[in-house]
Amino acid sequence: MNIRIRAAEAADFEQIIRLIREFTSFEQRPEQMCNSVEKMTDEKEFFHCFIAETDAGEIIGYAAWFFCYYTWSGKAIHLDDLYVQPEYRGKGIGTKLIYKVLELGKANNCNRARWQVAKWNKPAIDFYQKLGAKINDVDWNCDLIL
């Protein structure tokens, strides 16, 4: 099976929303999912994503990202989500997706890449550490719904 990694397009939004729903369930927080194809379409200038697509055109994984600026280090790329459907894990697809994001960050002179991982997600923690990521338990997410 060939997997193609490419930038997401508006025509992909329906499949991506389906995967985001799967991801929120995997993360044990499906009640926090409030995005939709309509919202993503209206806000598409803010949505950046690489997808993993099969030869049949099925999207089986995605890496959503955005550029940001950290006062301590400067320009950065933030990996918002990295998700691969369970039946496709262990085949290098997640690695291809995250490397695509990291390559983009390097090409755009970013000083760092940052993302979060759930404390309970040992396979993801191991995966990120193998990439060379430093994972700390100092910073916690602060969310305030506007």
Protein backbone atom coordinates (compact mmCIF):
# COMPACT_ATOMS: atom_id res chain seq x y z
CA MET A 1 0.00 0.00 0.00
CA ASN A 2 1.34 3.40 -0.98
CA ILE A 3 0.69 6.34 1.32
CA ARG A 4 1.00 9.86 0.00
CA ILE A 5 1.67 12.80 2.33
CA ARG A 6 0.33 16.09 1.03
CA ALA A 7 -1.14 19.41 2.14
CA ALA A 8 -4.84 19.27 2.95
CA GLU A 9 -7.36 20.98 0.69
CA ALA A 10 -10.90 22.15 1.36
CA ALA A 11 -12.23 19.03 -0.39
CA ASP A 12 -10.56 16.98 2.39
CA PHE A 13 -12.32 18.71 5.28
CA GLU A 14 -15.11 16.14 5.66
CA GLN A 15 -12.65 13.25 6.02
CA ILE A 16 -10.41 15.33 8.32
CA ILE A 17 -13.34 16.19 10.61
CA ARG A 18 -14.12 12.47 10.84
CA LEU A 19 -10.51 11.81 11.90
CA ILE A 20 -10.59 14.67 14.40
CA ARG A 21 -13.67 13.08 15.99
CA GLU A 22 -11.81 9.75 16.18
CA PHE A 23 -8.85 11.54 17.76
CA THR A 24 -10.97 13.25 20.43
CA SER A 25 -12.45 9.86 21.33
CA PHE A 26 -8.97 8.32 21.48
CA GLU A 27 -7.90 11.22 23.74
CA GLN A 28 -10.96 10.45 25.92
CA ARG A 29 -12.43 13.93 25.38
CA PRO A 30 -15.07 13.66 22.63
CA GLU A 31 -17.27 16.22 24.38
CA GLN A 32 -14.69 18.91 23.55
CA MET A 33 -15.12 18.48 19.79
CA CYS A 34 -17.01 21.49 18.47
CA ASN A 35 -15.40 21.91 15.05
CA SER A 36 -17.30 21.22 11.82
CA VAL A 37 -16.75 21.25 8.09
CA GLU A 38 -18.62 24.55 7.94
CA LYS A 39 -16.47 26.16 10.64
CA MET A 40 -13.29 24.79 9.08
CA THR A 41 -14.36 26.17 5.70
CA ASP A 42 -15.15 29.61 7.17
CA GLU A 43 -11.81 29.65 9.02
CA LYS A 44 -9.71 27.88 6.39
CA GLU A 45 -7.03 30.60 6.30
CA PHE A 46 -6.10 29.52 9.85
CA PHE A 47 -6.16 25.75 9.23
CA HIS A 48 -2.95 24.11 8.05
CA CYS A 49 -2.64 20.38 7.79
CA PHE A 50 -0.76 17.57 6.11
CA ILE A 51 -2.67 14.39 5.40
CA ALA A 52 -1.73 10.76 4.82
CA GLU A 53 -3.79 9.42 1.93
CA THR A 54 -4.11 5.92 0.49
CA ASP A 55 -4.10 5.13 -3.23
CA ALA A 56 -7.89 4.92 -2.97
CA GLY A 57 -8.09 8.53 -1.72
CA GLU A 58 -8.91 7.64 1.90
CA ILE A 59 -7.35 9.95 4.47
CA ILE A 60 -5.97 7.78 7.28
CA GLY A 61 -3.98 10.33 9.26
CA TYR A 62 -3.23 13.99 9.63
CA ALA A 63 -0.86 16.49 11.20
CA ALA A 64 -2.38 19.92 11.90
CA TRP A 65 0.07 22.75 12.52
CA PHE A 66 0.50 26.51 12.72
CA PHE A 67 3.30 29.04 12.93
CA CYS A 68 3.65 30.95 16.17
CA TYR A 69 6.10 33.08 18.11
CA TYR A 70 7.53 32.27 21.53
CA THR A 71 9.12 35.14 23.41
CA TRP A 72 11.88 32.91 24.78
CA SER A 73 12.94 31.43 21.44
CA GLY A 74 11.28 33.28 18.55
CA LYS A 75 9.52 31.86 15.51
CA ALA A 76 8.23 28.32 15.89
CA ILE A 77 5.95 25.74 14.37
CA HIS A 78 3.32 24.19 16.61
CA LEU A 79 2.02 20.69 15.91
CA ASP A 80 -1.59 20.87 17.05
CA ASP A 81 -2.61 17.28 16.30
CA LEU A 82 -0.90 14.18 14.98
CA TYR A 83 -3.28 11.29 14.43
CA VAL A 84 -3.10 8.04 12.48
CA GLN A 85 -5.95 5.56 12.53
CA PRO A 86 -5.12 2.58 14.78
CA GLU A 87 -5.01 -0.01 11.99
CA TYR A 88 -2.31 2.01 10.19
CA ARG A 89 -0.05 2.67 13.17
CA GLY A 90 3.42 1.16 13.30
CA LYS A 91 3.91 1.55 9.54
CA GLY A 92 5.89 4.81 9.61
CA ILE A 93 2.95 7.05 8.66
CA GLY A 94 3.11 9.15 11.83
CA THR A 95 6.84 9.57 11.31
CA LYS A 96 6.29 10.77 7.74
CA LEU A 97 3.63 13.23 8.89
CA ILE A 98 5.67 14.74 11.73
CA TYR A 99 8.80 14.95 9.56
CA LYS A 100 6.77 16.88 6.98
CA VAL A 101 5.84 19.41 9.68
CA LEU A 102 9.43 19.58 10.96
CA GLU A 103 10.79 20.06 7.43
CA LEU A 104 8.35 22.92 6.93
CA GLY A 105 9.49 24.51 10.19
CA LYS A 106 13.15 24.26 9.14
CA ALA A 107 12.41 25.64 5.66
CA ASN A 108 10.70 28.63 7.31
CA ASN A 109 13.56 29.31 9.73
CA CYS A 110 11.68 28.25 12.84
CA ASN A 111 13.76 27.91 15.98
CA ARG A 112 11.63 25.23 17.57
CA ALA A 113 8.75 22.83 17.11
CA ARG A 114 6.37 22.34 20.00
CA TRP A 115 3.38 20.10 20.73
CA GLN A 116 1.60 18.42 23.62
CA VAL A 117 1.18 14.79 24.50
CA ALA A 118 -1.20 13.26 27.02
CA LYS A 119 0.61 11.99 30.12
CA TRP A 120 -1.11 8.61 29.80
CA ASN A 121 -0.16 8.10 26.11
CA LYS A 122 3.01 6.04 26.60
CA PRO A 123 3.31 4.92 22.93
CA ALA A 124 3.21 8.56 21.77
CA ILE A 125 5.69 9.63 24.46
CA ASP A 126 8.09 6.88 23.38
CA PHE A 127 7.64 7.85 19.71
CA TYR A 128 8.38 11.53 20.40
CA GLN A 129 11.39 10.74 22.57
CA LYS A 130 12.83 8.56 19.79
CA LEU A 131 12.59 11.64 17.56
CA GLY A 132 14.69 13.51 20.13
CA ALA A 133 11.90 15.56 21.72
CA LYS A 134 12.36 16.67 25.31
CA ILE A 135 9.16 16.15 27.28
CA ASN A 136 8.71 18.03 30.52
CA ASP A 137 6.07 17.98 33.22
CA VAL A 138 6.39 21.67 34.00
CA ASP A 139 4.05 23.35 31.52
CA TRP A 140 0.33 22.64 31.59
CA ASN A 141 -2.25 23.70 29.03
CA CYS A 142 -4.53 26.55 30.05
CA ASP A 143 -7.76 26.69 28.05
CA LEU A 144 -10.40 29.40 28.29
CA ILE A 145 -13.39 29.07 26.00
CA LEU A 146 -14.21 32.42 24.40
